[in-house]
Protein backbone atom coordinates (compact mmCIF):
# COMPACT_ATOMS: atom_id res chain seq x y z
CA MET A 1 86.44 40.63 -70.51
CA THR A 2 87.74 44.05 -71.45
CA LYS A 3 90.54 44.21 -74.00
CA SER A 4 92.84 45.95 -71.51
CA THR A 5 92.19 43.31 -68.84
CA PRO A 6 93.46 39.86 -69.92
CA ILE A 7 93.29 38.52 -66.35
CA LYS A 8 90.64 35.86 -65.73
CA LEU A 9 89.01 36.62 -62.40
CA THR A 10 87.63 33.10 -61.97
CA GLN A 11 91.16 31.65 -61.81
CA PHE A 12 91.51 33.22 -58.36
CA SER A 13 88.40 31.61 -56.87
CA HIS A 14 87.65 28.01 -55.90
CA GLY A 15 83.97 28.61 -56.65
CA GLY A 16 81.95 31.52 -58.00
CA GLY A 17 78.81 33.46 -57.21
CA CYS A 18 76.20 31.96 -54.91
CA GLY A 19 77.71 28.54 -55.60
CA CYS A 20 80.18 29.53 -52.85
CA LYS A 21 77.45 29.42 -50.20
CA ILE A 22 77.91 26.89 -47.41
CA ALA A 23 75.68 23.87 -48.02
CA PRO A 24 72.28 24.03 -46.22
CA ALA A 25 72.91 21.06 -43.93
CA ILE A 26 76.35 22.34 -42.86
CA LEU A 27 75.02 25.87 -42.31
CA THR A 28 72.21 24.52 -40.13
CA GLU A 29 74.77 22.63 -38.03
CA ILE A 30 76.99 25.71 -37.68
CA LEU A 31 74.11 27.93 -36.57
CA ALA A 32 72.38 25.35 -34.37
CA ASN A 33 74.02 26.52 -31.13
CA THR A 34 74.19 30.24 -31.84
CA PRO A 35 70.74 31.57 -30.88
CA MET A 36 70.06 35.29 -30.65
CA ARG A 37 70.20 36.28 -27.01
CA VAL A 38 68.59 39.69 -27.38
CA ILE A 39 65.39 39.90 -29.44
CA PRO A 40 63.78 43.34 -29.18
CA PRO A 41 60.08 43.58 -30.09
CA GLU A 42 60.97 45.92 -32.95
CA LEU A 43 62.88 43.12 -34.72
CA LEU A 44 60.14 41.89 -37.04
CA VAL A 45 62.34 39.39 -38.93
CA GLY A 46 65.53 37.80 -37.62
CA THR A 47 67.14 34.40 -38.12
CA GLU A 48 64.16 32.25 -37.12
CA THR A 49 63.09 31.16 -40.62
CA SER A 50 66.31 31.72 -42.64
CA ASP A 51 64.70 34.69 -44.34
CA ASP A 52 66.39 36.94 -46.89
CA ALA A 53 67.02 39.97 -44.66
CA ALA A 54 66.51 41.33 -41.18
CA VAL A 55 63.65 43.79 -40.65
CA TYR A 56 63.55 46.29 -37.78
CA GLN A 57 60.52 48.48 -37.16
CA LEU A 58 61.21 52.18 -36.65
CA ASN A 59 57.65 53.42 -36.25
CA THR A 60 54.10 52.60 -37.40
CA GLU A 61 54.92 53.52 -41.00
CA GLN A 62 58.54 52.46 -41.52
CA ALA A 63 60.80 49.45 -41.01
CA ILE A 64 64.42 49.06 -42.02
CA VAL A 65 65.42 46.09 -44.19
CA ALA A 66 69.08 45.11 -43.75
CA THR A 67 71.10 42.48 -45.59
CA THR A 68 74.59 41.67 -46.80
CA ASP A 69 75.76 39.46 -49.64
CA PHE A 70 79.15 38.98 -51.26
CA PHE A 71 81.04 36.28 -53.15
CA THR A 72 84.00 35.39 -55.33
CA PRO A 73 83.94 35.90 -59.13
CA ILE A 74 81.41 33.97 -61.18
CA VAL A 75 82.66 35.54 -64.45
CA ASP A 76 85.99 36.86 -65.72
CA ASP A 77 84.86 40.33 -66.78
CA PRO A 78 85.37 42.64 -63.77
CA ARG A 79 82.49 45.01 -64.51
CA ASP A 80 80.11 42.10 -65.06
CA PHE A 81 81.27 40.58 -61.76
CA GLY A 82 80.52 43.84 -59.95
CA ARG A 83 77.12 44.17 -61.61
CA ILE A 84 76.10 40.60 -60.77
CA ALA A 85 77.22 40.84 -57.15
CA ALA A 86 75.37 44.12 -56.60
CA ALA A 87 72.14 42.92 -58.24
CA ASN A 88 72.30 39.75 -56.15
CA ALA A 89 72.76 41.70 -52.90
CA LEU A 90 69.91 44.13 -53.55
CA SER A 91 67.61 41.23 -54.39
CA ASP A 92 67.26 40.35 -50.70
CA ILE A 93 65.69 43.74 -50.01
CA TYR A 94 63.15 43.32 -52.79
CA ALA A 95 62.42 39.77 -51.60
CA MET A 96 61.23 41.22 -48.28
CA GLY A 97 58.97 43.67 -50.12
CA GLY A 98 61.27 46.62 -49.50
CA LYS A 99 62.86 49.35 -51.59
CA PRO A 100 66.61 49.97 -51.30
CA ILE A 101 67.73 53.35 -49.96
CA PHE A 102 71.54 52.98 -49.96
CA ALA A 103 74.33 50.41 -49.91
CA LEU A 104 77.81 49.89 -48.50
CA ALA A 105 80.49 48.08 -50.48
CA VAL A 106 82.20 44.93 -49.16
CA VAL A 107 85.55 44.58 -50.95
CA GLY A 108 88.31 42.00 -50.56
CA MET A 109 91.01 41.95 -53.24
CA PRO A 110 94.43 40.26 -53.72
CA LEU A 111 96.27 43.52 -54.33
CA ASP A 112 99.49 41.76 -55.35
CA LYS A 113 97.69 39.91 -58.17
CA LEU A 114 94.99 42.23 -59.52
CA PRO A 115 95.78 45.54 -61.28
CA LEU A 116 94.03 48.52 -59.80
CA ASP A 117 92.10 49.14 -63.02
CA VAL A 118 90.49 45.69 -62.65
CA ILE A 119 89.41 46.51 -59.11
CA ARG A 120 88.04 49.86 -60.26
CA GLU A 121 85.98 48.10 -62.92
CA ILE A 122 84.49 45.73 -60.32
CA LEU A 123 83.46 48.67 -58.16
CA ALA A 124 82.14 50.54 -61.19
CA GLY A 125 79.93 47.57 -62.03
CA GLY A 126 78.40 47.63 -58.57
CA GLU A 127 77.84 51.37 -58.77
CA GLU A 128 76.13 50.92 -62.15
CA ILE A 129 73.55 48.56 -60.67
CA CYS A 130 72.96 50.76 -57.64
CA ALA A 131 72.43 53.74 -59.93
CA ARG A 132 69.82 51.73 -61.83
CA ALA A 133 68.14 50.98 -58.50
CA GLY A 134 68.23 54.71 -57.70
CA ILE A 135 70.52 54.47 -54.68
CA PRO A 136 74.09 55.49 -53.78
CA ILE A 137 76.94 53.37 -52.47
CA ALA A 138 77.58 55.51 -49.42
CA GLY A 139 80.70 53.81 -48.03
CA GLY A 140 82.00 50.36 -47.22
CA HIS A 141 85.06 48.41 -46.15
CA SER A 142 87.99 46.85 -48.00
CA ILE A 143 90.71 44.33 -47.12
CA ASP A 144 93.63 42.61 -48.87
CA VAL A 145 92.80 38.90 -49.27
CA LEU A 146 93.80 35.86 -51.35
CA GLU A 147 90.59 35.62 -53.40
CA PRO A 148 88.63 38.50 -54.95
CA ILE A 149 85.43 39.18 -53.00
CA TYR A 150 82.81 41.79 -53.76
CA GLY A 151 79.30 42.51 -52.58
CA LEU A 152 77.10 44.95 -50.72
CA VAL A 153 75.48 45.67 -47.43
CA GLY A 154 72.03 46.71 -48.55
CA LEU A 155 69.66 48.93 -46.59
CA GLY A 156 66.03 49.38 -47.55
CA ILE A 157 62.72 50.50 -46.21
CA VAL A 158 59.28 48.88 -46.08
CA HIS A 159 55.94 49.48 -44.37
CA PRO A 160 55.78 47.10 -41.36
CA GLN A 161 52.46 45.67 -42.57
CA ARG A 162 53.88 44.96 -46.05
CA VAL A 163 56.88 42.88 -45.02
CA LYS A 164 56.89 39.66 -47.06
CA ARG A 165 58.46 36.76 -45.19
CA ASN A 166 59.29 33.31 -46.51
CA SER A 167 57.02 31.78 -43.86
CA GLY A 168 53.56 33.11 -44.66
CA ALA A 169 52.37 30.80 -47.44
CA LEU A 170 48.86 29.32 -47.17
CA ALA A 171 47.48 26.02 -48.42
CA GLY A 172 46.16 26.53 -51.96
CA ASP A 173 48.62 29.31 -52.80
CA LEU A 174 50.13 29.29 -56.27
CA LEU A 175 53.92 29.35 -56.66
CA ILE A 176 55.25 31.85 -59.21
CA LEU A 177 58.91 32.15 -60.24
CA GLY A 178 60.25 35.35 -61.80
CA LYS A 179 63.42 34.15 -63.59
CA PRO A 180 64.48 30.97 -65.43
CA LEU A 181 66.75 28.41 -63.81
CA GLY A 182 70.22 27.32 -64.94
CA ILE A 183 72.68 30.05 -63.94
CA GLY A 184 74.91 27.69 -61.96
CA ILE A 185 75.14 25.33 -64.92
CA LEU A 186 76.09 28.18 -67.24
CA SER A 187 78.79 29.31 -64.81
CA ALA A 188 80.18 25.76 -64.63
CA ALA A 189 80.29 25.62 -68.43
CA LEU A 190 82.04 29.01 -68.54
CA LYS A 191 84.84 27.79 -66.29
CA LYS A 192 85.27 24.76 -68.57
CA GLY A 193 85.31 26.90 -71.72
CA LEU A 194 82.07 25.29 -72.96
CA LEU A 195 79.67 28.25 -72.77
CA SER A 196 78.62 29.85 -76.05
CA SER A 197 78.63 33.62 -76.52
CA GLU A 198 74.82 33.51 -76.61
CA GLY A 199 74.80 31.56 -73.35
CA TYR A 200 77.10 34.10 -71.73
CA ALA A 201 74.90 36.96 -72.90
CA GLU A 202 71.85 35.23 -71.40
CA MET A 203 73.71 34.61 -68.16
CA ILE A 204 74.62 38.29 -67.83
CA ALA A 205 71.14 39.46 -68.81
CA GLN A 206 69.49 37.33 -66.13
CA THR A 207 71.98 37.92 -63.30
CA THR A 208 72.07 41.71 -63.74
CA LYS A 209 68.29 42.05 -63.92
CA ILE A 210 67.29 43.65 -60.61
CA ASN A 211 64.30 42.06 -58.82
CA THR A 212 62.41 45.36 -58.65
CA PRO A 213 58.93 43.73 -58.81
CA GLY A 214 59.34 42.84 -55.14
CA ALA A 215 58.32 46.32 -53.97
CA ALA A 216 55.11 46.24 -56.04
CA LEU A 217 54.32 42.67 -54.99
CA ALA A 218 54.47 43.78 -51.35
CA THR A 219 51.43 45.97 -51.92
CA LEU A 220 49.27 42.99 -52.96
CA PRO A 221 47.35 41.47 -50.00
CA GLY A 222 47.14 38.14 -51.85
CA VAL A 223 50.93 37.72 -51.82
CA HIS A 224 51.53 35.65 -48.68
CA ALA A 225 55.21 34.69 -48.92
CA MET A 226 58.23 35.68 -50.98
CA THR A 227 61.93 34.83 -51.26
CA ASP A 228 64.62 34.92 -53.90
CA VAL A 229 66.20 31.81 -55.36
CA THR A 230 69.95 31.88 -54.89
CA GLY A 231 72.68 29.51 -53.72
CA PHE A 232 70.52 26.70 -52.33
CA GLY A 233 68.71 26.27 -55.64
CA LEU A 234 64.96 26.35 -56.27
CA ALA A 235 64.33 23.27 -54.13
CA GLY A 236 66.37 24.61 -51.21
CA HIS A 237 64.67 27.99 -51.05
CA LEU A 238 61.23 26.49 -51.65
CA LEU A 239 61.87 24.17 -48.70
CA GLU A 240 62.47 27.24 -46.54
CA ILE A 241 58.98 28.39 -47.49
CA CYS A 242 57.61 24.93 -46.72
CA ARG A 243 59.27 24.75 -43.31
CA GLY A 244 58.35 28.29 -42.31
CA SER A 245 54.75 27.85 -43.48
CA LYS A 246 54.43 24.21 -42.29
CA LEU A 247 53.15 23.11 -45.70
CA ARG A 248 54.06 20.86 -48.62
CA ALA A 249 54.92 22.19 -52.08
CA GLN A 250 53.60 20.50 -55.19
CA LEU A 251 56.02 21.39 -58.01
CA GLU A 252 55.33 20.87 -61.72
CA PHE A 253 58.66 20.26 -63.43
CA ALA A 254 57.27 20.84 -66.94
CA SER A 255 56.18 24.34 -65.87
CA LEU A 256 59.61 25.45 -64.68
CA PRO A 257 61.17 28.28 -66.72
CA LEU A 258 64.58 26.99 -67.84
CA ILE A 259 67.45 28.55 -69.77
CA PRO A 260 67.65 26.40 -72.94
CA GLU A 261 71.45 26.23 -73.11
CA ALA A 262 71.58 25.25 -69.45
CA VAL A 263 69.25 22.32 -70.16
CA LYS A 264 71.49 21.13 -72.99
CA LEU A 265 74.62 21.48 -70.87
CA VAL A 266 73.23 19.71 -67.82
CA ARG A 267 71.99 16.84 -69.98
CA ASP A 268 75.57 16.56 -71.21
CA GLY A 269 76.77 16.26 -67.61
CA ILE A 270 77.77 19.87 -66.83
CA ALA A 271 76.84 20.98 -63.30
CA THR A 272 78.37 22.65 -60.26
CA GLY A 273 79.69 20.88 -57.21
CA ALA A 274 77.35 23.08 -55.18
CA SER A 275 74.30 21.44 -56.78
CA THR A 276 75.52 18.07 -55.51
CA ARG A 277 76.13 19.49 -52.01
CA ASN A 278 72.68 21.08 -52.06
CA TRP A 279 70.99 17.82 -53.02
CA SER A 280 72.89 15.93 -50.34
CA SER A 281 71.44 18.37 -47.80
CA TYR A 282 67.78 18.10 -48.76
CA GLY A 283 67.27 15.53 -51.54
CA HIS A 284 65.79 13.05 -49.05
CA ILE A 285 62.71 15.25 -48.61
CA VAL A 286 62.18 16.00 -52.32
CA THR A 287 60.14 13.34 -54.10
CA MET A 288 60.92 13.12 -57.80
CA PRO A 289 58.49 11.53 -60.28
CA ALA A 290 58.96 7.98 -61.45
CA GLY A 291 61.31 7.84 -64.43
CA SER A 292 62.93 11.21 -63.70
CA GLU A 293 66.56 11.68 -64.68
CA GLU A 294 69.54 13.09 -62.81
CA TRP A 295 69.68 16.26 -64.94
CA GLN A 296 66.22 17.22 -63.65
CA GLN A 297 67.39 16.93 -60.07
CA LYS A 298 70.49 18.98 -60.96
CA LEU A 299 68.28 21.82 -62.19
CA LEU A 300 66.24 21.81 -58.98
CA SER A 301 69.40 22.06 -56.85
CA ASP A 302 71.35 24.30 -59.23
CA PRO A 303 72.68 27.34 -57.30
CA GLN A 304 71.29 30.53 -58.76
CA THR A 305 73.27 33.74 -58.53
CA SER A 306 70.94 36.76 -58.56
CA GLY A 307 68.05 34.37 -59.21
CA GLY A 308 64.37 35.14 -59.49
CA LEU A 309 61.76 35.99 -56.89
CA LEU A 310 59.65 33.05 -55.75
CA VAL A 311 56.15 34.08 -54.72
CA ALA A 312 53.35 32.21 -52.94
CA CYS A 313 50.04 33.92 -53.62
CA ALA A 314 46.31 33.31 -53.49
CA PRO A 315 44.90 31.99 -56.82
CA GLU A 316 42.76 35.10 -57.23
CA CYS A 317 45.93 37.21 -57.09
CA GLU A 318 47.66 35.35 -59.94
CA SER A 319 46.95 37.90 -62.67
CA ALA A 320 48.08 40.82 -60.49
CA VAL A 321 51.35 39.05 -59.58
CA LEU A 322 52.09 38.16 -63.20
CA ALA A 323 51.31 41.74 -64.24
CA ALA A 324 53.70 43.14 -61.60
CA PHE A 325 56.51 41.00 -63.00
CA GLU A 326 55.70 41.71 -66.63
CA HIS A 327 55.53 45.47 -66.01
CA GLU A 328 59.24 45.33 -65.07
CA GLY A 329 60.19 43.22 -68.10
CA PHE A 330 60.18 39.78 -66.46
CA LYS A 331 58.65 36.57 -67.83
CA PRO A 332 57.24 34.80 -64.77
CA ALA A 333 55.82 31.28 -64.65
CA VAL A 334 53.35 29.49 -62.39
CA ILE A 335 55.31 26.43 -61.24
CA GLY A 336 53.14 24.75 -58.60
CA ARG A 337 51.15 25.25 -55.44
CA MET A 338 51.26 24.89 -51.65
CA GLU A 339 49.27 22.11 -50.00
CA GLU A 340 48.51 20.73 -46.55
CA GLY A 341 51.12 18.18 -45.55
CA PRO A 342 54.62 17.78 -44.17
CA ALA A 343 57.27 20.37 -45.02
CA ASP A 344 58.60 18.72 -48.15
CA ILE A 345 58.40 18.94 -51.96
CA ASN A 346 56.60 16.61 -54.33
CA VAL A 347 57.62 17.01 -57.98
CA SER A 348 55.28 15.87 -60.74
């Protein structure tokens, strides 16, 4: 938090970051009776598989990728909050294989509680991330609300034949994750005053790292499905791939990239309420290994804010996928594979 800004942003929010997302089971119930009534042929991706963004084809060479994402503060520092929210929003475009072209700001602030310089810092953080992505924030909308809210409407572009859905995985595909897990646990520890300065630095480094490899991954024919891991946790977003692809995922827990301090904290009982809500929604179709402990389940359902890209690719494409991540400074890990079977997850 800046020296001139003693206000703690998280005190205004009941939950922070992607941990604010409505639980998967409740969201499914809400959306069950709200089908799209008009589906033009140009709409390549809509709501049918809970994908990361909508995709609308303009011509044979171009399709628009459109998404929006916003949330309440996950950290107290206003600029960090803005940076995290912007990186998280743009991630959905990269997860579809697109490249951002511009963004619109979504701003809700309690004007009677937050000084204007705090709000300016939040917006500046978002602009900083968009500048790193090479795009402008070209407008937006703001309202006066009880809790601080910030995010973006993101617009991107992709070749229609390079759109990467979350529903195209094939049996035998490897699963590769681009960022380590544990952000939700770190955020829970932060709110309790239990996060170390090193843990906070790691949290900011991971959540403000833009998922730019997505655009390069879209050019690889062996990449069959892609999504980003956010509020539903690794298990929740992997299940979306399973359902859309009508396959089972075999997950190797020992291969998961994990933030070391998050592992220590979760083993000490620190976790978010959202991880419990997530597990209640889908834990019945995730098979844990014999002798597994609750902290392992908490990591699988831990809500990630601005989490990593999750890729399903042909085995012969493994080296190219890893290279695409590493070229952008990421440390990816092969965490499992897709198999024939019901749409569930088996953890070994």
